[in-house]
Amino acid sequence: MEIPFFFDYACPWAYLGSCRVEPYFRDLGVSLDFRPVSLKVLYEPPPDGAGRPKLGERKQANYAGDLRHWADLVGADFASEQPKQRPDSDLLLRAAFVAEDAGRFREFHYPAFRARWAEARDVAQPAVVRELLEGAGLDGAEALARAESPELAERLERESRAAVARGVFGVPTLFVGDEMFWGNDRYELVRHYVAKASG
């Protein structure tokens, strides 16, 4: 069985989910279809247009603790200092398509997530993306030029819109058939539905 795994490098929960998703499902014989999507497209504004509510002090402290607890559980590294403004991840996502098309997805994907969250690098910078592409065994200049192309920008937009049409509103999101599961903490439910689908 193949399960889609929708992600954006901008999301720490997708990073945590990606760190453990393949080992978690390996014993079930499940393969993962990694799907880069842009959270900017997925974001669902409130109907009143009031914008995203701010986290209160207690909830913000819990959120930070939650990330730390999950990172400890899955053995994921987080840089102690993260940029105040999250770098745009679109170029990195488009580069993931380039790596995927070249058969070098995992060689790019895992270092890309580490660059963003474990090393707190500015992954919006073309030089950083080029370095990651080269690290995956690709020609850096050629691969970066393709990632920067209108074709790849359109592909990311198209894939993100297709995810929205399927009901995706955040990452990581996985599907078993038509059943959708959002969040790094929904893997147990995914296993349950994989077992049901397998009879």
N, C-alpha and C. Protein backbone atom coordinates (compact mmCIF):
# COMPACT_ATOMS: atom_id res chain seq x y z
N MET A 1 0.84 -1.19 0.00
CA MET A 1 0.00 0.00 0.00
C MET A 1 0.88 1.25 0.00
N GLU A 2 0.48 2.24 -0.78
CA GLU A 2 1.20 3.52 -0.81
C GLU A 2 0.35 4.59 -0.13
N ILE A 3 0.97 5.35 0.75
CA ILE A 3 0.28 6.39 1.50
C ILE A 3 0.89 7.75 1.15
N PRO A 4 0.07 8.72 0.75
CA PRO A 4 0.62 10.06 0.51
C PRO A 4 0.94 10.75 1.83
N PHE A 5 2.05 11.49 1.83
CA PHE A 5 2.49 12.24 3.00
C PHE A 5 2.71 13.68 2.55
N PHE A 6 1.73 14.53 2.85
CA PHE A 6 1.80 15.94 2.45
C PHE A 6 2.63 16.71 3.49
N PHE A 7 3.56 17.53 3.00
CA PHE A 7 4.45 18.25 3.91
C PHE A 7 4.86 19.59 3.33
N ASP A 8 5.32 20.46 4.23
CA ASP A 8 5.98 21.71 3.87
C ASP A 8 7.16 21.85 4.81
N TYR A 9 8.32 22.19 4.26
CA TYR A 9 9.52 22.35 5.09
C TYR A 9 9.37 23.47 6.11
N ALA A 10 8.36 24.32 5.94
CA ALA A 10 8.13 25.42 6.87
C ALA A 10 7.54 24.98 8.20
N CYS A 11 7.04 23.75 8.28
CA CYS A 11 6.31 23.30 9.46
C CYS A 11 7.15 22.39 10.36
N PRO A 12 7.34 22.74 11.64
CA PRO A 12 8.12 21.88 12.52
C PRO A 12 7.46 20.53 12.77
N TRP A 13 6.13 20.49 12.72
CA TRP A 13 5.43 19.21 12.93
C TRP A 13 5.63 18.28 11.74
N ALA A 14 5.71 18.85 10.54
CA ALA A 14 6.01 18.02 9.37
C ALA A 14 7.44 17.50 9.45
N TYR A 15 8.33 18.32 10.01
CA TYR A 15 9.72 17.86 10.24
C TYR A 15 9.73 16.67 11.19
N LEU A 16 9.05 16.81 12.33
CA LEU A 16 8.99 15.72 13.30
C LEU A 16 8.34 14.48 12.69
N GLY A 17 7.24 14.71 11.95
CA GLY A 17 6.55 13.59 11.32
C GLY A 17 7.41 12.90 10.29
N SER A 18 8.18 13.68 9.54
CA SER A 18 9.05 13.12 8.52
C SER A 18 10.19 12.31 9.13
N CYS A 19 10.65 12.75 10.30
CA CYS A 19 11.75 12.04 10.97
C CYS A 19 11.39 10.59 11.29
N ARG A 20 10.09 10.33 11.50
CA ARG A 20 9.72 9.01 11.97
C ARG A 20 8.75 8.24 11.08
N VAL A 21 8.26 8.88 10.02
CA VAL A 21 7.16 8.26 9.28
C VAL A 21 7.56 6.96 8.58
N GLU A 22 8.72 6.92 7.97
CA GLU A 22 9.10 5.67 7.26
C GLU A 22 9.37 4.52 8.23
N PRO A 23 10.15 4.71 9.29
CA PRO A 23 10.34 3.61 10.24
C PRO A 23 9.04 3.17 10.91
N TYR A 24 8.14 4.13 11.16
CA TYR A 24 6.91 3.82 11.87
C TYR A 24 6.02 2.85 11.08
N PHE A 25 6.02 2.96 9.78
CA PHE A 25 5.13 2.13 8.97
C PHE A 25 5.85 0.99 8.24
N ARG A 26 7.15 0.88 8.43
CA ARG A 26 7.92 -0.10 7.67
C ARG A 26 7.42 -1.52 7.86
N ASP A 27 7.06 -1.89 9.09
CA ASP A 27 6.64 -3.27 9.36
C ASP A 27 5.33 -3.63 8.70
N LEU A 28 4.56 -2.61 8.25
CA LEU A 28 3.28 -2.87 7.58
C LEU A 28 3.46 -3.01 6.07
N GLY A 29 4.69 -2.83 5.60
CA GLY A 29 4.93 -2.92 4.16
C GLY A 29 4.38 -1.72 3.40
N VAL A 30 4.18 -0.61 4.11
CA VAL A 30 3.64 0.60 3.50
C VAL A 30 4.77 1.41 2.89
N SER A 31 4.52 1.95 1.69
CA SER A 31 5.48 2.89 1.11
C SER A 31 4.89 4.29 1.17
N LEU A 32 5.76 5.28 1.30
CA LEU A 32 5.34 6.67 1.45
C LEU A 32 5.53 7.43 0.15
N ASP A 33 4.50 8.16 -0.22
CA ASP A 33 4.56 9.04 -1.39
C ASP A 33 4.63 10.47 -0.86
N PHE A 34 5.84 11.02 -0.79
CA PHE A 34 6.03 12.35 -0.23
C PHE A 34 5.50 13.41 -1.20
N ARG A 35 4.63 14.30 -0.70
CA ARG A 35 3.99 15.31 -1.54
C ARG A 35 4.29 16.72 -1.03
N PRO A 36 5.20 17.44 -1.67
CA PRO A 36 5.46 18.83 -1.27
C PRO A 36 4.25 19.72 -1.58
N VAL A 37 3.83 20.49 -0.59
CA VAL A 37 2.73 21.45 -0.77
C VAL A 37 3.07 22.72 0.00
N SER A 38 2.49 23.82 -0.42
CA SER A 38 2.75 25.11 0.23
C SER A 38 1.68 25.42 1.26
N LEU A 39 2.09 25.61 2.50
CA LEU A 39 1.14 25.97 3.56
C LEU A 39 0.43 27.28 3.25
N LYS A 40 1.08 28.16 2.52
CA LYS A 40 0.46 29.44 2.17
C LYS A 40 -0.80 29.22 1.35
N VAL A 41 -0.79 28.16 0.54
CA VAL A 41 -1.98 27.83 -0.27
C VAL A 41 -3.00 27.07 0.56
N LEU A 42 -2.50 26.20 1.45
CA LEU A 42 -3.41 25.38 2.26
C LEU A 42 -4.14 26.17 3.33
N TYR A 43 -3.50 27.26 3.80
CA TYR A 43 -4.04 28.02 4.93
C TYR A 43 -5.50 28.42 4.70
N GLU A 44 -6.31 28.13 5.70
CA GLU A 44 -7.75 28.36 5.64
C GLU A 44 -8.11 29.52 6.56
N PRO A 45 -8.29 30.73 6.02
CA PRO A 45 -8.57 31.87 6.89
C PRO A 45 -9.93 31.73 7.55
N PRO A 46 -10.10 32.31 8.73
CA PRO A 46 -11.41 32.26 9.39
C PRO A 46 -12.45 32.99 8.56
N PRO A 47 -13.71 32.54 8.64
CA PRO A 47 -14.75 33.14 7.80
C PRO A 47 -14.97 34.62 8.05
N ASP A 48 -14.67 35.10 9.25
CA ASP A 48 -14.91 36.51 9.54
C ASP A 48 -13.75 37.40 9.11
N GLY A 49 -12.69 36.78 8.59
CA GLY A 49 -11.54 37.55 8.11
C GLY A 49 -10.72 38.17 9.21
N ALA A 50 -10.87 37.68 10.44
CA ALA A 50 -10.18 38.30 11.59
C ALA A 50 -8.72 37.91 11.68
N GLY A 51 -8.30 36.97 10.86
CA GLY A 51 -6.91 36.53 10.93
C GLY A 51 -6.72 35.42 11.94
N ARG A 52 -5.52 34.89 11.98
CA ARG A 52 -5.21 33.79 12.87
C ARG A 52 -5.12 34.29 14.32
N PRO A 53 -5.82 33.65 15.26
CA PRO A 53 -5.74 34.11 16.65
C PRO A 53 -4.35 33.89 17.23
N LYS A 54 -3.89 34.82 18.07
CA LYS A 54 -2.58 34.69 18.68
C LYS A 54 -2.64 33.71 19.84
N LEU A 55 -1.53 32.99 20.04
CA LEU A 55 -1.46 32.07 21.17
C LEU A 55 -1.29 32.86 22.46
N GLY A 56 -2.02 32.46 23.49
CA GLY A 56 -1.82 33.05 24.80
C GLY A 56 -0.50 32.57 25.39
N GLU A 57 -0.08 33.19 26.47
CA GLU A 57 1.22 32.89 27.07
C GLU A 57 1.33 31.43 27.51
N ARG A 58 0.27 30.92 28.15
CA ARG A 58 0.29 29.53 28.61
C ARG A 58 0.30 28.55 27.45
N LYS A 59 -0.53 28.85 26.44
CA LYS A 59 -0.59 27.95 25.29
C LYS A 59 0.72 27.98 24.51
N GLN A 60 1.34 29.16 24.43
CA GLN A 60 2.61 29.28 23.73
C GLN A 60 3.70 28.47 24.44
N ALA A 61 3.70 28.50 25.76
CA ALA A 61 4.66 27.71 26.54
C ALA A 61 4.42 26.23 26.33
N ASN A 62 3.16 25.84 26.29
CA ASN A 62 2.83 24.43 26.06
C ASN A 62 3.24 23.99 24.67
N TYR A 63 3.02 24.88 23.69
CA TYR A 63 3.40 24.58 22.29
C TYR A 63 4.89 24.30 22.21
N ALA A 64 5.69 25.15 22.82
CA ALA A 64 7.15 24.96 22.81
C ALA A 64 7.52 23.66 23.51
N GLY A 65 6.85 23.38 24.63
CA GLY A 65 7.11 22.13 25.34
C GLY A 65 6.72 20.92 24.53
N ASP A 66 5.61 21.02 23.82
CA ASP A 66 5.13 19.93 22.98
C ASP A 66 6.16 19.59 21.90
N LEU A 67 6.68 20.62 21.24
CA LEU A 67 7.72 20.40 20.22
C LEU A 67 8.94 19.71 20.85
N ARG A 68 9.34 20.19 22.02
CA ARG A 68 10.51 19.63 22.69
C ARG A 68 10.28 18.17 23.08
N HIS A 69 9.08 17.87 23.58
CA HIS A 69 8.78 16.49 23.98
C HIS A 69 8.78 15.55 22.78
N TRP A 70 8.15 15.98 21.69
CA TRP A 70 8.13 15.15 20.49
C TRP A 70 9.53 14.98 19.90
N ALA A 71 10.31 16.04 19.91
CA ALA A 71 11.68 15.95 19.40
C ALA A 71 12.48 14.95 20.22
N ASP A 72 12.28 14.96 21.53
CA ASP A 72 12.96 14.01 22.40
C ASP A 72 12.52 12.58 22.10
N LEU A 73 11.23 12.40 21.87
CA LEU A 73 10.69 11.07 21.59
C LEU A 73 11.25 10.49 20.29
N VAL A 74 11.30 11.31 19.23
CA VAL A 74 11.70 10.79 17.92
C VAL A 74 13.18 10.98 17.62
N GLY A 75 13.91 11.62 18.55
CA GLY A 75 15.34 11.82 18.34
C GLY A 75 15.66 12.88 17.30
N ALA A 76 14.78 13.89 17.18
CA ALA A 76 14.99 14.96 16.20
C ALA A 76 15.72 16.13 16.86
N ASP A 77 16.64 16.72 16.12
CA ASP A 77 17.37 17.89 16.62
C ASP A 77 16.67 19.18 16.22
N PHE A 78 16.61 20.12 17.15
CA PHE A 78 16.13 21.47 16.87
C PHE A 78 17.23 22.45 17.26
N ALA A 79 17.50 23.42 16.41
CA ALA A 79 18.43 24.47 16.77
C ALA A 79 17.84 25.25 17.94
N SER A 80 18.68 25.62 18.89
CA SER A 80 18.18 26.31 20.09
C SER A 80 17.62 27.69 19.75
N GLU A 81 18.14 28.31 18.72
CA GLU A 81 17.63 29.61 18.29
C GLU A 81 17.11 29.50 16.86
N GLN A 82 15.84 29.85 16.70
CA GLN A 82 15.20 29.82 15.39
C GLN A 82 15.00 31.26 14.91
N PRO A 83 15.00 31.47 13.60
CA PRO A 83 14.77 32.84 13.10
C PRO A 83 13.42 33.38 13.54
N LYS A 84 13.37 34.67 13.87
CA LYS A 84 12.12 35.27 14.31
C LYS A 84 11.07 35.23 13.20
N GLN A 85 11.53 35.40 11.98
CA GLN A 85 10.62 35.31 10.84
C GLN A 85 10.97 34.06 10.05
N ARG A 86 10.02 33.18 9.92
CA ARG A 86 10.29 31.92 9.23
C ARG A 86 10.63 32.16 7.76
N PRO A 87 11.72 31.56 7.28
CA PRO A 87 12.07 31.75 5.87
C PRO A 87 11.05 31.09 4.95
N ASP A 88 10.80 31.71 3.83
CA ASP A 88 9.87 31.16 2.84
C ASP A 88 10.43 29.83 2.33
N SER A 89 9.57 28.83 2.25
CA SER A 89 10.03 27.48 1.89
C SER A 89 9.73 27.10 0.45
N ASP A 90 9.13 28.00 -0.34
CA ASP A 90 8.69 27.62 -1.68
C ASP A 90 9.83 27.11 -2.57
N LEU A 91 10.97 27.79 -2.56
CA LEU A 91 12.08 27.35 -3.41
C LEU A 91 12.56 25.97 -2.98
N LEU A 92 12.59 25.73 -1.68
CA LEU A 92 13.01 24.43 -1.16
C LEU A 92 12.03 23.34 -1.59
N LEU A 93 10.74 23.65 -1.56
CA LEU A 93 9.72 22.70 -1.99
C LEU A 93 9.85 22.39 -3.48
N ARG A 94 10.12 23.43 -4.28
CA ARG A 94 10.28 23.22 -5.71
C ARG A 94 11.54 22.41 -6.00
N ALA A 95 12.57 22.62 -5.18
CA ALA A 95 13.79 21.83 -5.31
C ALA A 95 13.53 20.36 -4.99
N ALA A 96 12.59 20.11 -4.09
CA ALA A 96 12.23 18.71 -3.76
C ALA A 96 11.66 18.01 -4.99
N PHE A 97 10.90 18.73 -5.81
CA PHE A 97 10.39 18.15 -7.06
C PHE A 97 11.56 17.81 -7.99
N VAL A 98 12.53 18.70 -8.06
CA VAL A 98 13.70 18.46 -8.92
C VAL A 98 14.42 17.19 -8.47
N ALA A 99 14.64 17.08 -7.17
CA ALA A 99 15.31 15.89 -6.62
C ALA A 99 14.48 14.63 -6.86
N GLU A 100 13.17 14.75 -6.69
CA GLU A 100 12.28 13.61 -6.92
C GLU A 100 12.36 13.14 -8.37
N ASP A 101 12.30 14.09 -9.30
CA ASP A 101 12.35 13.74 -10.72
C ASP A 101 13.67 13.09 -11.11
N ALA A 102 14.73 13.41 -10.35
CA ALA A 102 16.05 12.85 -10.63
C ALA A 102 16.31 11.56 -9.85
N GLY A 103 15.30 11.09 -9.10
CA GLY A 103 15.48 9.88 -8.31
C GLY A 103 16.36 10.07 -7.09
N ARG A 104 16.45 11.31 -6.59
CA ARG A 104 17.30 11.62 -5.43
C ARG A 104 16.51 12.29 -4.32
N PHE A 105 15.23 11.95 -4.21
CA PHE A 105 14.38 12.66 -3.26
C PHE A 105 14.85 12.55 -1.83
N ARG A 106 15.05 11.35 -1.32
CA ARG A 106 15.40 11.19 0.09
C ARG A 106 16.77 11.79 0.41
N GLU A 107 17.66 11.76 -0.57
CA GLU A 107 18.98 12.35 -0.38
C GLU A 107 18.89 13.88 -0.22
N PHE A 108 17.82 14.45 -0.75
CA PHE A 108 17.58 15.88 -0.60
C PHE A 108 16.67 16.17 0.58
N HIS A 109 15.61 15.42 0.70
CA HIS A 109 14.52 15.70 1.64
C HIS A 109 14.97 15.77 3.10
N TYR A 110 15.63 14.75 3.57
CA TYR A 110 16.00 14.71 4.99
C TYR A 110 17.03 15.79 5.35
N PRO A 111 18.07 15.99 4.53
CA PRO A 111 18.98 17.11 4.81
C PRO A 111 18.28 18.47 4.72
N ALA A 112 17.29 18.61 3.83
CA ALA A 112 16.57 19.89 3.72
C ALA A 112 15.80 20.19 5.00
N PHE A 113 15.12 19.20 5.54
CA PHE A 113 14.41 19.41 6.81
C PHE A 113 15.40 19.73 7.94
N ARG A 114 16.54 19.04 7.96
CA ARG A 114 17.54 19.31 9.00
C ARG A 114 18.10 20.72 8.85
N ALA A 115 18.34 21.13 7.61
CA ALA A 115 18.88 22.47 7.37
C ALA A 115 17.94 23.52 7.96
N ARG A 116 16.65 23.30 7.77
CA ARG A 116 15.68 24.29 8.26
C ARG A 116 15.55 24.27 9.78
N TRP A 117 15.39 23.08 10.37
CA TRP A 117 15.00 23.02 11.78
C TRP A 117 16.15 22.66 12.72
N ALA A 118 17.06 21.79 12.31
CA ALA A 118 18.17 21.41 13.20
C ALA A 118 19.31 22.43 13.12
N GLU A 119 19.44 23.09 11.94
CA GLU A 119 20.54 24.04 11.75
C GLU A 119 20.05 25.48 11.64
N ALA A 120 18.73 25.67 11.56
CA ALA A 120 18.13 27.01 11.47
C ALA A 120 18.74 27.85 10.35
N ARG A 121 18.97 27.21 9.20
CA ARG A 121 19.54 27.94 8.07
C ARG A 121 18.42 28.67 7.31
N ASP A 122 18.79 29.68 6.59
CA ASP A 122 17.82 30.44 5.79
C ASP A 122 17.60 29.71 4.48
N VAL A 123 16.64 28.80 4.49
CA VAL A 123 16.41 27.93 3.33
C VAL A 123 15.71 28.66 2.19
N ALA A 124 15.42 29.96 2.37
CA ALA A 124 14.89 30.75 1.26
C ALA A 124 16.01 31.23 0.35
N GLN A 125 17.25 31.11 0.81
CA GLN A 125 18.38 31.59 0.03
C GLN A 125 18.77 30.58 -1.05
N PRO A 126 18.86 31.02 -2.30
CA PRO A 126 19.23 30.10 -3.39
C PRO A 126 20.55 29.36 -3.14
N ALA A 127 21.52 30.03 -2.51
CA ALA A 127 22.81 29.39 -2.26
C ALA A 127 22.65 28.17 -1.34
N VAL A 128 21.77 28.29 -0.34
CA VAL A 128 21.53 27.18 0.58
C VAL A 128 20.83 26.03 -0.15
N VAL A 129 19.84 26.37 -0.97
CA VAL A 129 19.12 25.34 -1.72
C VAL A 129 20.05 24.65 -2.71
N ARG A 130 20.90 25.43 -3.36
CA ARG A 130 21.86 24.84 -4.29
C ARG A 130 22.78 23.86 -3.57
N GLU A 131 23.26 24.24 -2.40
CA GLU A 131 24.14 23.36 -1.62
C GLU A 131 23.43 22.05 -1.28
N LEU A 132 22.16 22.13 -0.92
CA LEU A 132 21.40 20.92 -0.60
C LEU A 132 21.20 20.04 -1.84
N LEU A 133 20.97 20.66 -2.97
CA LEU A 133 20.82 19.91 -4.22
C LEU A 133 22.13 19.22 -4.59
N GLU A 134 23.22 19.92 -4.42
CA GLU A 134 24.54 19.32 -4.69
C GLU A 134 24.81 18.18 -3.72
N GLY A 135 24.42 18.36 -2.46
CA GLY A 135 24.59 17.30 -1.47
C GLY A 135 23.80 16.04 -1.81
N ALA A 136 22.71 16.23 -2.58
CA ALA A 136 21.89 15.08 -3.01
C ALA A 136 22.45 14.45 -4.28
N GLY A 137 23.58 14.96 -4.76
CA GLY A 137 24.22 14.37 -5.93
C GLY A 137 23.79 14.96 -7.26
N LEU A 138 23.19 16.15 -7.23
CA LEU A 138 22.73 16.79 -8.46
C LEU A 138 23.67 17.92 -8.86
N ASP A 139 23.60 18.29 -10.12
CA ASP A 139 24.34 19.44 -10.60
C ASP A 139 23.68 20.69 -10.00
N GLY A 140 24.40 21.39 -9.13
CA GLY A 140 23.79 22.47 -8.37
C GLY A 140 23.21 23.58 -9.21
N ALA A 141 23.96 24.07 -10.19
CA ALA A 141 23.50 25.19 -11.01
C ALA A 141 22.29 24.80 -11.84
N GLU A 142 22.37 23.64 -12.45
CA GLU A 142 21.27 23.17 -13.31
C GLU A 142 20.01 22.88 -12.50
N ALA A 143 20.19 22.20 -11.37
CA ALA A 143 19.03 21.84 -10.53
C ALA A 143 18.38 23.09 -9.94
N LEU A 144 19.19 24.04 -9.51
CA LEU A 144 18.64 25.26 -8.93
C LEU A 144 17.88 26.06 -9.99
N ALA A 145 18.44 26.14 -11.19
CA ALA A 145 17.76 26.87 -12.27
C ALA A 145 16.40 26.26 -12.54
N ARG A 146 16.31 24.95 -12.49
CA ARG A 146 15.02 24.31 -12.71
C ARG A 146 14.07 24.59 -11.55
N ALA A 147 14.58 24.55 -10.33
CA ALA A 147 13.75 24.84 -9.16
C ALA A 147 13.20 26.26 -9.22
N GLU A 148 13.96 27.18 -9.79
CA GLU A 148 13.54 28.58 -9.88
C GLU A 148 12.65 28.86 -11.08
N SER A 149 12.40 27.86 -11.89
CA SER A 149 11.66 28.06 -13.14
C SER A 149 10.16 28.25 -12.89
N PRO A 150 9.47 28.97 -13.80
CA PRO A 150 8.01 29.11 -13.71
C PRO A 150 7.29 27.76 -13.72
N GLU A 151 7.87 26.80 -14.45
CA GLU A 151 7.26 25.46 -14.52
C GLU A 151 7.12 24.84 -13.14
N LEU A 152 8.18 24.96 -12.33
CA LEU A 152 8.14 24.36 -10.99
C LEU A 152 7.28 25.18 -10.04
N ALA A 153 7.24 26.50 -10.23
CA ALA A 153 6.34 27.33 -9.42
C ALA A 153 4.89 26.94 -9.69
N GLU A 154 4.58 26.71 -10.95
CA GLU A 154 3.22 26.30 -11.32
C GLU A 154 2.91 24.91 -10.78
N ARG A 155 3.91 24.04 -10.80
CA ARG A 155 3.70 22.67 -10.30
C ARG A 155 3.39 22.68 -8.81
N LEU A 156 4.13 23.49 -8.05
CA LEU A 156 3.87 23.57 -6.60
C LEU A 156 2.48 24.13 -6.35
N GLU A 157 2.11 25.15 -7.08
CA GLU A 157 0.77 25.72 -6.93
C GLU A 157 -0.30 24.68 -7.28
N ARG A 158 -0.10 23.97 -8.36
CA ARG A 158 -1.07 22.96 -8.81
C ARG A 158 -1.21 21.84 -7.79
N GLU A 159 -0.07 21.34 -7.29
CA GLU A 159 -0.11 20.25 -6.31
C GLU A 159 -0.77 20.72 -5.00
N SER A 160 -0.49 21.96 -4.62
CA SER A 160 -1.09 22.50 -3.39
C SER A 160 -2.59 22.67 -3.55
N ARG A 161 -3.03 23.17 -4.71
CA ARG A 161 -4.47 23.32 -4.96
C ARG A 161 -5.16 21.97 -5.00
N ALA A 162 -4.49 20.97 -5.56
CA ALA A 162 -5.07 19.62 -5.60
C ALA A 162 -5.22 19.06 -4.19
N ALA A 163 -4.26 19.37 -3.33
CA ALA A 163 -4.36 18.93 -1.93
C ALA A 163 -5.53 19.60 -1.24
N VAL A 164 -5.71 20.90 -1.49
CA VAL A 164 -6.85 21.63 -0.91
C VAL A 164 -8.15 20.99 -1.38
N ALA A 165 -8.23 20.66 -2.66
CA ALA A 165 -9.45 20.04 -3.20
C ALA A 165 -9.73 18.70 -2.53
N ARG A 166 -8.68 18.06 -2.06
CA ARG A 166 -8.85 16.78 -1.38
C ARG A 166 -9.20 16.94 0.10
N GLY A 167 -9.12 18.18 0.59
CA GLY A 167 -9.47 18.44 1.98
C GLY A 167 -8.31 18.79 2.87
N VAL A 168 -7.10 18.82 2.34
CA VAL A 168 -5.91 19.08 3.15
C VAL A 168 -5.89 20.55 3.57
N PHE A 169 -5.63 20.80 4.86
CA PHE A 169 -5.57 22.17 5.37
C PHE A 169 -4.31 22.43 6.17
N GLY A 170 -3.52 21.39 6.42
CA GLY A 170 -2.30 21.54 7.20
C GLY A 170 -1.38 20.36 6.93
N VAL A 171 -0.20 20.39 7.55
CA VAL A 171 0.77 19.30 7.37
C VAL A 171 1.37 18.92 8.73
N PRO A 172 1.81 17.67 8.87
CA PRO A 172 1.73 16.61 7.87
C PRO A 172 0.32 16.03 7.77
N THR A 173 -0.05 15.65 6.58
CA THR A 173 -1.34 14.99 6.35
C THR A 173 -1.10 13.70 5.57
N LEU A 174 -1.75 12.64 6.02
CA LEU A 174 -1.66 11.34 5.35
C LEU A 174 -3.07 10.88 5.01
N PHE A 175 -3.18 10.02 4.01
CA PHE A 175 -4.45 9.42 3.63
C PHE A 175 -4.31 7.91 3.58
N VAL A 176 -5.36 7.23 4.03
CA VAL A 176 -5.53 5.79 3.77
C VAL A 176 -6.84 5.70 3.02
N GLY A 177 -6.77 5.49 1.72
CA GLY A 177 -7.97 5.58 0.89
C GLY A 177 -8.50 7.00 0.95
N ASP A 178 -9.77 7.14 1.34
CA ASP A 178 -10.39 8.47 1.46
C ASP A 178 -10.32 9.03 2.88
N GLU A 179 -9.76 8.26 3.80
CA GLU A 179 -9.67 8.72 5.18
C GLU A 179 -8.44 9.61 5.35
N MET A 180 -8.65 10.82 5.88
CA MET A 180 -7.58 11.79 6.04
C MET A 180 -7.16 11.90 7.50
N PHE A 181 -5.84 12.01 7.71
CA PHE A 181 -5.29 12.11 9.05
C PHE A 181 -4.26 13.24 9.07
N TRP A 182 -4.56 14.28 9.86
CA TRP A 182 -3.68 15.44 9.96
C TRP A 182 -2.92 15.41 11.27
N GLY A 183 -1.62 15.49 11.18
CA GLY A 183 -0.82 15.65 12.38
C GLY A 183 0.16 14.53 12.63
N ASN A 184 1.29 14.91 13.18
CA ASN A 184 2.33 13.97 13.57
C ASN A 184 1.83 12.98 14.62
N ASP A 185 0.77 13.33 15.34
CA ASP A 185 0.25 12.47 16.41
C ASP A 185 -0.91 11.59 15.96
N ARG A 186 -1.12 11.46 14.65
CA ARG A 186 -2.24 10.63 14.16
C ARG A 186 -1.76 9.30 13.55
N TYR A 187 -0.49 9.00 13.72
CA TYR A 187 0.05 7.80 13.08
C TYR A 187 -0.60 6.51 13.57
N GLU A 188 -0.97 6.48 14.83
CA GLU A 188 -1.62 5.27 15.36
C GLU A 188 -2.94 5.03 14.65
N LEU A 189 -3.68 6.10 14.38
CA LEU A 189 -4.93 5.97 13.62
C LEU A 189 -4.65 5.50 12.20
N VAL A 190 -3.60 6.02 11.60
CA VAL A 190 -3.23 5.60 10.24
C VAL A 190 -2.94 4.11 10.23
N ARG A 191 -2.18 3.62 11.22
CA ARG A 191 -1.89 2.18 11.30
C ARG A 191 -3.18 1.37 11.38
N HIS A 192 -4.12 1.85 12.20
CA HIS A 192 -5.40 1.16 12.35
C HIS A 192 -6.13 1.02 11.02
N TYR A 193 -6.15 2.10 10.26
CA TYR A 193 -6.86 2.08 8.99
C TYR A 193 -6.10 1.33 7.90
N VAL A 194 -4.78 1.32 7.98
CA VAL A 194 -4.01 0.49 7.06
C VAL A 194 -4.33 -0.99 7.31
N ALA A 195 -4.39 -1.37 8.58
CA ALA A 195 -4.72 -2.76 8.94
C ALA A 195 -6.12 -3.12 8.46
N LYS A 196 -7.06 -2.19 8.63
CA LYS A 196 -8.44 -2.45 8.15
C LYS A 196 -8.47 -2.62 6.64
N ALA A 197 -7.74 -1.75 5.94
CA ALA A 197 -7.73 -1.82 4.48
C ALA A 197 -7.05 -3.07 3.96
N SER A 198 -6.12 -3.59 4.77
CA SER A 198 -5.38 -4.80 4.37
C SER A 198 -6.17 -6.07 4.68
N GLY A 199 -7.30 -5.90 5.36
CA GLY A 199 -8.15 -7.06 5.64
C GLY A 199 -7.69 -7.84 6.84
